[in-house]
Amino acid sequence: DNAKNSVYLQMNSLKTEDKDVYFCAAARII
């Protein structure tokens, strides 16, 4: 949502192997 300066990740059907530290990142490409 660019109006809110936000990005989201909806994660459903989670598995035990999804256990991690999650990072958001901005790419150099614009």
PDB file of all heavy atoms in Angstrom:
ATOM      1  N   ASP A   1       0.871  -1.159   0.000  1.00  0.00           N
ATOM      2  CA  ASP A   1       0.000   0.000   0.000  1.00  0.00           C
ATOM      3  C   ASP A   1       0.916   1.220   0.000  1.00  0.00           C
ATOM      4  O   ASP A   1       1.433   1.613   1.047  1.00  0.00           O
ATOM      5  CB  ASP A   1      -0.911  -0.017   1.224  1.00  0.00           C
ATOM      6  CG  ASP A   1      -1.933   1.098   1.220  1.00  0.00           C
ATOM      7  OD1 ASP A   1      -1.717   2.113   0.522  1.00  0.00           O
ATOM      8  OD2 ASP A   1      -2.945   0.973   1.924  1.00  0.00           O
ATOM      9  N   ASN A   2       1.133   1.776  -1.152  1.00  0.00           N
ATOM     10  CA  ASN A   2       2.077   2.896  -1.249  1.00  0.00           C
ATOM     11  C   ASN A   2       1.586   4.132  -0.512  1.00  0.00           C
ATOM     12  O   ASN A   2       2.379   4.943  -0.052  1.00  0.00           O
ATOM     13  CB  ASN A   2       2.368   3.217  -2.712  1.00  0.00           C
ATOM     14  CG  ASN A   2       3.264   2.175  -3.360  1.00  0.00           C
ATOM     15  OD1 ASN A   2       3.924   1.389  -2.672  1.00  0.00           O
ATOM     16  ND2 ASN A   2       3.281   2.154  -4.683  1.00  0.00           N
ATOM     17  N   ALA A   3       0.276   4.271  -0.390  1.00  0.00           N
ATOM     18  CA  ALA A   3      -0.266   5.410   0.352  1.00  0.00           C
ATOM     19  C   ALA A   3       0.092   5.321   1.829  1.00  0.00           C
ATOM     20  O   ALA A   3       0.200   6.343   2.515  1.00  0.00           O
ATOM     21  CB  ALA A   3      -1.767   5.486   0.179  1.00  0.00           C
ATOM     22  N   LYS A   4       0.285   4.086   2.312  1.00  0.00           N
ATOM     23  CA  LYS A   4       0.639   3.872   3.711  1.00  0.00           C
ATOM     24  C   LYS A   4       2.120   3.532   3.875  1.00  0.00           C
ATOM     25  O   LYS A   4       2.554   3.183   4.975  1.00  0.00           O
ATOM     26  CB  LYS A   4      -0.216   2.751   4.307  1.00  0.00           C
ATOM     27  CG  LYS A   4      -1.696   3.079   4.378  1.00  0.00           C
ATOM     28  CD  LYS A   4      -2.471   1.955   5.030  1.00  0.00           C
ATOM     29  CE  LYS A   4      -3.948   2.322   5.146  1.00  0.00           C
ATOM     30  NZ  LYS A   4      -4.754   1.235   5.768  1.00  0.00           N
ATOM     31  N   ASN A   5       2.866   3.586   2.773  1.00  0.00           N
ATOM     32  CA  ASN A   5       4.292   3.251   2.830  1.00  0.00           C
ATOM     33  C   ASN A   5       4.513   1.893   3.491  1.00  0.00           C
ATOM     34  O   ASN A   5       5.376   1.736   4.369  1.00  0.00           O
ATOM     35  CB  ASN A   5       5.080   4.325   3.590  1.00  0.00           C
ATOM     36  CG  ASN A   5       5.518   5.460   2.693  1.00  0.00           C
ATOM     37  OD1 ASN A   5       5.065   5.575   1.557  1.00  0.00           O
ATOM     38  ND2 ASN A   5       6.385   6.315   3.190  1.00  0.00           N
ATOM     39  N   SER A   6       3.750   0.916   3.069  1.00  0.00           N
ATOM     40  CA  SER A   6       3.821  -0.390   3.719  1.00  0.00           C
ATOM     41  C   SER A   6       3.792  -1.523   2.703  1.00  0.00           C
ATOM     42  O   SER A   6       3.194  -1.399   1.630  1.00  0.00           O
ATOM     43  CB  SER A   6       2.659  -0.572   4.694  1.00  0.00           C
ATOM     44  OG  SER A   6       2.749   0.329   5.774  1.00  0.00           O
ATOM     45  N   VAL A   7       4.438  -2.610   3.090  1.00  0.00           N
ATOM     46  CA  VAL A   7       4.373  -3.842   2.321  1.00  0.00           C
ATOM     47  C   VAL A   7       4.041  -4.963   3.295  1.00  0.00           C
ATOM     48  O   VAL A   7       4.429  -4.912   4.469  1.00  0.00           O
ATOM     49  CB  VAL A   7       5.690  -4.096   1.554  1.00  0.00           C
ATOM     50  CG1 VAL A   7       6.864  -4.264   2.502  1.00  0.00           C
ATOM     51  CG2 VAL A   7       5.568  -5.286   0.637  1.00  0.00           C
ATOM     52  N   TYR A   8       3.311  -5.958   2.826  1.00  0.00           N
ATOM     53  CA  TYR A   8       2.785  -7.005   3.689  1.00  0.00           C
ATOM     54  C   TYR A   8       3.123  -8.386   3.141  1.00  0.00           C
ATOM     55  O   TYR A   8       3.321  -8.561   1.934  1.00  0.00           O
ATOM     56  CB  TYR A   8       1.267  -6.862   3.809  1.00  0.00           C
ATOM     57  CG  TYR A   8       0.807  -5.479   4.190  1.00  0.00           C
ATOM     58  CD1 TYR A   8       0.353  -4.588   3.219  1.00  0.00           C
ATOM     59  CD2 TYR A   8       0.830  -5.052   5.521  1.00  0.00           C
ATOM     60  CE1 TYR A   8      -0.063  -3.310   3.550  1.00  0.00           C
ATOM     61  CE2 TYR A   8       0.414  -3.773   5.861  1.00  0.00           C
ATOM     62  CZ  TYR A   8      -0.024  -2.910   4.871  1.00  0.00           C
ATOM     63  OH  TYR A   8      -0.432  -1.646   5.216  1.00  0.00           O
ATOM     64  N   LEU A   9       3.149  -9.348   4.033  1.00  0.00           N
ATOM     65  CA  LEU A   9       3.271 -10.741   3.634  1.00  0.00           C
ATOM     66  C   LEU A   9       2.250 -11.539   4.434  1.00  0.00           C
ATOM     67  O   LEU A   9       2.404 -11.729   5.639  1.00  0.00           O
ATOM     68  CB  LEU A   9       4.676 -11.276   3.882  1.00  0.00           C
ATOM     69  CG  LEU A   9       4.926 -12.695   3.363  1.00  0.00           C
ATOM     70  CD1 LEU A   9       4.897 -12.720   1.825  1.00  0.00           C
ATOM     71  CD2 LEU A   9       6.265 -13.249   3.860  1.00  0.00           C
ATOM     72  N   GLN A  10       1.197 -11.964   3.759  1.00  0.00           N
ATOM     73  CA  GLN A  10       0.192 -12.829   4.377  1.00  0.00           C
ATOM     74  C   GLN A  10       0.652 -14.263   4.210  1.00  0.00           C
ATOM     75  O   GLN A  10       0.846 -14.729   3.084  1.00  0.00           O
ATOM     76  CB  GLN A  10      -1.169 -12.624   3.708  1.00  0.00           C
ATOM     77  CG  GLN A  10      -2.265 -13.525   4.242  1.00  0.00           C
ATOM     78  CD  GLN A  10      -2.630 -13.203   5.681  1.00  0.00           C
ATOM     79  OE1 GLN A  10      -2.735 -12.048   6.057  1.00  0.00           O
ATOM     80  NE2 GLN A  10      -2.828 -14.242   6.491  1.00  0.00           N
ATOM     81  N   MET A  11       0.830 -14.940   5.326  1.00  0.00           N
ATOM     82  CA  MET A  11       1.328 -16.320   5.312  1.00  0.00           C
ATOM     83  C   MET A  11       0.248 -17.239   5.840  1.00  0.00           C
ATOM     84  O   MET A  11      -0.153 -17.131   7.009  1.00  0.00           O
ATOM     85  CB  MET A  11       2.593 -16.429   6.162  1.00  0.00           C
ATOM     86  CG  MET A  11       3.702 -15.473   5.735  1.00  0.00           C
ATOM     87  SD  MET A  11       5.267 -15.777   6.562  1.00  0.00           S
ATOM     88  CE  MET A  11       4.827 -15.407   8.242  1.00  0.00           C
ATOM     89  N   ASN A  12      -0.248 -18.106   4.998  1.00  0.00           N
ATOM     90  CA  ASN A  12      -1.277 -19.082   5.364  1.00  0.00           C
ATOM     91  C   ASN A  12      -0.704 -20.491   5.289  1.00  0.00           C
ATOM     92  O   ASN A  12       0.360 -20.713   4.711  1.00  0.00           O
ATOM     93  CB  ASN A  12      -2.480 -18.950   4.430  1.00  0.00           C
ATOM     94  CG  ASN A  12      -3.140 -17.594   4.510  1.00  0.00           C
ATOM     95  OD1 ASN A  12      -3.148 -16.940   5.555  1.00  0.00           O
ATOM     96  ND2 ASN A  12      -3.702 -17.158   3.392  1.00  0.00           N
ATOM     97  N   SER A  13      -1.425 -21.413   5.866  1.00  0.00           N
ATOM     98  CA  SER A  13      -1.016 -22.830   5.840  1.00  0.00           C
ATOM     99  C   SER A  13       0.443 -22.977   6.261  1.00  0.00           C
ATOM    100  O   SER A  13       1.232 -23.661   5.589  1.00  0.00           O
ATOM    101  CB  SER A  13      -1.229 -23.421   4.441  1.00  0.00           C
ATOM    102  OG  SER A  13      -2.575 -23.307   4.044  1.00  0.00           O
ATOM    103  N   LEU A  14       0.776 -22.348   7.357  1.00  0.00           N
ATOM    104  CA  LEU A  14       2.163 -22.344   7.810  1.00  0.00           C
ATOM    105  C   LEU A  14       2.649 -23.753   8.128  1.00  0.00           C
ATOM    106  O   LEU A  14       1.890 -24.608   8.608  1.00  0.00           O
ATOM    107  CB  LEU A  14       2.307 -21.450   9.037  1.00  0.00           C
ATOM    108  CG  LEU A  14       2.315 -19.952   8.744  1.00  0.00           C
ATOM    109  CD1 LEU A  14       2.064 -19.151  10.013  1.00  0.00           C
ATOM    110  CD2 LEU A  14       3.631 -19.539   8.104  1.00  0.00           C
ATOM    111  N   LYS A  15       3.915 -23.962   7.841  1.00  0.00           N
ATOM    112  CA  LYS A  15       4.573 -25.234   8.112  1.00  0.00           C
ATOM    113  C   LYS A  15       5.710 -24.985   9.105  1.00  0.00           C
ATOM    114  O   LYS A  15       6.227 -23.871   9.212  1.00  0.00           O
ATOM    115  CB  LYS A  15       5.140 -25.822   6.818  1.00  0.00           C
ATOM    116  CG  LYS A  15       4.114 -26.026   5.715  1.00  0.00           C
ATOM    117  CD  LYS A  15       4.780 -26.519   4.446  1.00  0.00           C
ATOM    118  CE  LYS A  15       3.763 -26.710   3.322  1.00  0.00           C
ATOM    119  NZ  LYS A  15       4.409 -27.184   2.076  1.00  0.00           N
ATOM    120  N   THR A  16       6.119 -26.028   9.789  1.00  0.00           N
ATOM    121  CA  THR A  16       7.203 -25.864  10.751  1.00  0.00           C
ATOM    122  C   THR A  16       8.478 -25.382  10.067  1.00  0.00           C
ATOM    123  O   THR A  16       9.274 -24.663  10.673  1.00  0.00           O
ATOM    124  CB  THR A  16       7.474 -27.170  11.499  1.00  0.00           C
ATOM    125  OG1 THR A  16       7.713 -28.216  10.551  1.00  0.00           O
ATOM    126  CG2 THR A  16       6.263 -27.549  12.358  1.00  0.00           C
ATOM    127  N   GLU A  17       8.651 -25.743   8.822  1.00  0.00           N
ATOM    128  CA  GLU A  17       9.859 -25.306   8.105  1.00  0.00           C
ATOM    129  C   GLU A  17       9.822 -23.829   7.702  1.00  0.00           C
ATOM    130  O   GLU A  17      10.803 -23.311   7.175  1.00  0.00           O
ATOM    131  CB  GLU A  17      10.113 -26.171   6.865  1.00  0.00           C
ATOM    132  CG  GLU A  17       8.938 -26.307   5.929  1.00  0.00           C
ATOM    133  CD  GLU A  17       8.173 -27.602   6.159  1.00  0.00           C
ATOM    134  OE1 GLU A  17       7.909 -27.939   7.343  1.00  0.00           O
ATOM    135  OE2 GLU A  17       7.806 -28.240   5.160  1.00  0.00           O
ATOM    136  N   ASP A  18       8.704 -23.148   7.949  1.00  0.00           N
ATOM    137  CA  ASP A  18       8.644 -21.703   7.715  1.00  0.00           C
ATOM    138  C   ASP A  18       9.264 -20.912   8.857  1.00  0.00           C
ATOM    139  O   ASP A  18       9.364 -19.688   8.785  1.00  0.00           O
ATOM    140  CB  ASP A  18       7.189 -21.253   7.532  1.00  0.00           C
ATOM    141  CG  ASP A  18       6.571 -21.799   6.265  1.00  0.00           C
ATOM    142  OD1 ASP A  18       7.267 -21.865   5.238  1.00  0.00           O
ATOM    143  OD2 ASP A  18       5.380 -22.181   6.309  1.00  0.00           O
ATOM    144  N   LYS A  19       9.662 -21.590   9.893  1.00  0.00           N
ATOM    145  CA  LYS A  19      10.271 -20.930  11.041  1.00  0.00           C
ATOM    146  C   LYS A  19      11.603 -20.302  10.641  1.00  0.00           C
ATOM    147  O   LYS A  19      12.532 -20.998  10.238  1.00  0.00           O
ATOM    148  CB  LYS A  19      10.497 -21.933  12.181  1.00  0.00           C
ATOM    149  CG  LYS A  19      11.289 -21.372  13.354  1.00  0.00           C
ATOM    150  CD  LYS A  19      11.587 -22.446  14.357  1.00  0.00           C
ATOM    151  CE  LYS A  19      12.427 -21.922  15.518  1.00  0.00           C
ATOM    152  NZ  LYS A  19      13.762 -21.517  15.091  1.00  0.00           N
ATOM    153  N   ASP A  20      11.670 -18.981  10.725  1.00  0.00           N
ATOM    154  CA  ASP A  20      12.858 -18.235  10.326  1.00  0.00           C
ATOM    155  C   ASP A  20      12.705 -16.804  10.809  1.00  0.00           C
ATOM    156  O   ASP A  20      11.635 -16.417  11.287  1.00  0.00           O
ATOM    157  CB  ASP A  20      13.008 -18.202   8.790  1.00  0.00           C
ATOM    158  CG  ASP A  20      13.760 -19.397   8.240  1.00  0.00           C
ATOM    159  OD1 ASP A  20      14.680 -19.883   8.914  1.00  0.00           O
ATOM    160  OD2 ASP A  20      13.426 -19.831   7.108  1.00  0.00           O
ATOM    161  N   VAL A  21      13.755 -16.026  10.640  1.00  0.00           N
ATOM    162  CA  VAL A  21      13.642 -14.581  10.778  1.00  0.00           C
ATOM    163  C   VAL A  21      13.308 -14.027   9.393  1.00  0.00           C
ATOM    164  O   VAL A  21      13.982 -14.360   8.406  1.00  0.00           O
ATOM    165  CB  VAL A  21      14.943 -13.948  11.302  1.00  0.00           C
ATOM    166  CG1 VAL A  21      14.805 -12.435  11.386  1.00  0.00           C
ATOM    167  CG2 VAL A  21      15.290 -14.515  12.677  1.00  0.00           C
ATOM    168  N   TYR A  22      12.276 -13.212   9.332  1.00  0.00           N
ATOM    169  CA  TYR A  22      11.812 -12.659   8.065  1.00  0.00           C
ATOM    170  C   TYR A  22      12.205 -11.183   7.976  1.00  0.00           C
ATOM    171  O   TYR A  22      12.017 -10.421   8.926  1.00  0.00           O
ATOM    172  CB  TYR A  22      10.298 -12.808   7.948  1.00  0.00           C
ATOM    173  CG  TYR A  22       9.886 -14.225   7.622  1.00  0.00           C
ATOM    174  CD1 TYR A  22       9.984 -15.227   8.578  1.00  0.00           C
ATOM    175  CD2 TYR A  22       9.411 -14.559   6.362  1.00  0.00           C
ATOM    176  CE1 TYR A  22       9.636 -16.531   8.282  1.00  0.00           C
ATOM    177  CE2 TYR A  22       9.046 -15.859   6.055  1.00  0.00           C
ATOM    178  CZ  TYR A  22       9.164 -16.841   7.016  1.00  0.00           C
ATOM    179  OH  TYR A  22       8.810 -18.134   6.719  1.00  0.00           O
ATOM    180  N   PHE A  23      12.724 -10.822   6.800  1.00  0.00           N
ATOM    181  CA  PHE A  23      13.196  -9.458   6.554  1.00  0.00           C
ATOM    182  C   PHE A  23      12.453  -8.871   5.363  1.00  0.00           C
ATOM    183  O   PHE A  23      12.235  -9.563   4.361  1.00  0.00           O
ATOM    184  CB  PHE A  23      14.689  -9.450   6.210  1.00  0.00           C
ATOM    185  CG  PHE A  23      15.588  -9.974   7.287  1.00  0.00           C
ATOM    186  CD1 PHE A  23      15.877 -11.330   7.363  1.00  0.00           C
ATOM    187  CD2 PHE A  23      16.159  -9.108   8.200  1.00  0.00           C
ATOM    188  CE1 PHE A  23      16.722 -11.825   8.345  1.00  0.00           C
ATOM    189  CE2 PHE A  23      17.008  -9.588   9.187  1.00  0.00           C
ATOM    190  CZ  PHE A  23      17.287 -10.944   9.256  1.00  0.00           C
ATOM    191  N   CYS A  24      12.102  -7.618   5.448  1.00  0.00           N
ATOM    192  CA  CYS A  24      11.686  -6.925   4.238  1.00  0.00           C
ATOM    193  C   CYS A  24      12.866  -6.105   3.736  1.00  0.00           C
ATOM    194  O   CYS A  24      13.759  -5.722   4.506  1.00  0.00           O
ATOM    195  CB  CYS A  24      10.447  -6.058   4.460  1.00  0.00           C
ATOM    196  SG  CYS A  24      10.694  -4.576   5.427  1.00  0.00           S
ATOM    197  N   ALA A  25      12.856  -5.876   2.448  1.00  0.00           N
ATOM    198  CA  ALA A  25      13.987  -5.210   1.832  1.00  0.00           C
ATOM    199  C   ALA A  25      13.538  -4.397   0.628  1.00  0.00           C
ATOM    200  O   ALA A  25      12.573  -4.756  -0.049  1.00  0.00           O
ATOM    201  CB  ALA A  25      15.037  -6.232   1.403  1.00  0.00           C
ATOM    202  N   ALA A  26      14.258  -3.323   0.382  1.00  0.00           N
ATOM    203  CA  ALA A  26      14.008  -2.476  -0.776  1.00  0.00           C
ATOM    204  C   ALA A  26      15.102  -2.711  -1.808  1.00  0.00           C
ATOM    205  O   ALA A  26      16.304  -2.661  -1.477  1.00  0.00           O
ATOM    206  CB  ALA A  26      13.979  -1.003  -0.370  1.00  0.00           C
ATOM    207  N   ALA A  27      14.690  -2.988  -3.022  1.00  0.00           N
ATOM    208  CA  ALA A  27      15.652  -3.255  -4.077  1.00  0.00           C
ATOM    209  C   ALA A  27      16.237  -1.965  -4.632  1.00  0.00           C
ATOM    210  O   ALA A  27      15.629  -0.902  -4.551  1.00  0.00           O
ATOM    211  CB  ALA A  27      14.982  -4.043  -5.198  1.00  0.00           C
ATOM    212  N   ARG A  28      17.420  -2.086  -5.208  1.00  0.00           N
ATOM    213  CA  ARG A  28      18.025  -0.929  -5.860  1.00  0.00           C
ATOM    214  C   ARG A  28      17.199  -0.488  -7.045  1.00  0.00           C
ATOM    215  O   ARG A  28      17.124   0.701  -7.359  1.00  0.00           O
ATOM    216  CB  ARG A  28      19.442  -1.266  -6.316  1.00  0.00           C
ATOM    217  CG  ARG A  28      20.431  -1.497  -5.196  1.00  0.00           C
ATOM    218  CD  ARG A  28      21.842  -1.694  -5.732  1.00  0.00           C
ATOM    219  NE  ARG A  28      22.790  -1.879  -4.650  1.00  0.00           N
ATOM    220  CZ  ARG A  28      23.045  -3.047  -4.093  1.00  0.00           C
ATOM    221  NH1 ARG A  28      22.433  -4.131  -4.519  1.00  0.00           N
ATOM    222  NH2 ARG A  28      23.920  -3.130  -3.104  1.00  0.00           N
ATOM    223  N   ILE A  29      16.565  -1.431  -7.700  1.00  0.00           N
ATOM    224  CA  ILE A  29      15.815  -1.125  -8.913  1.00  0.00           C
ATOM    225  C   ILE A  29      14.561  -0.342  -8.548  1.00  0.00           C
ATOM    226  O   ILE A  29      13.865  -0.646  -7.576  1.00  0.00           O
ATOM    227  CB  ILE A  29      15.473  -2.431  -9.667  1.00  0.00           C
ATOM    228  CG1 ILE A  29      14.986  -2.138 -11.070  1.00  0.00           C
ATOM    229  CG2 ILE A  29      14.503  -3.287  -8.882  1.00  0.00           C
ATOM    230  CD1 ILE A  29      14.906  -3.374 -11.950  1.00  0.00           C
ATOM    231  N   ILE A  30      14.294   0.708  -9.314  1.00  0.00           N
ATOM    232  CA  ILE A  30      13.111   1.518  -9.059  1.00  0.00           C
ATOM    233  C   ILE A  30      12.317   1.675 -10.348  1.00  0.00           C
ATOM    234  O   ILE A  30      12.864   1.587 -11.450  1.00  0.00           O
ATOM    235  CB  ILE A  30      13.473   2.907  -8.493  1.00  0.00           C
ATOM    236  CG1 ILE A  30      14.367   3.686  -9.459  1.00  0.00           C
ATOM    237  CG2 ILE A  30      14.135   2.763  -7.127  1.00  0.00           C
ATOM    238  CD1 ILE A  30      14.606   5.111  -9.025  1.00  0.00           C
TER     239      ILE A  30
END
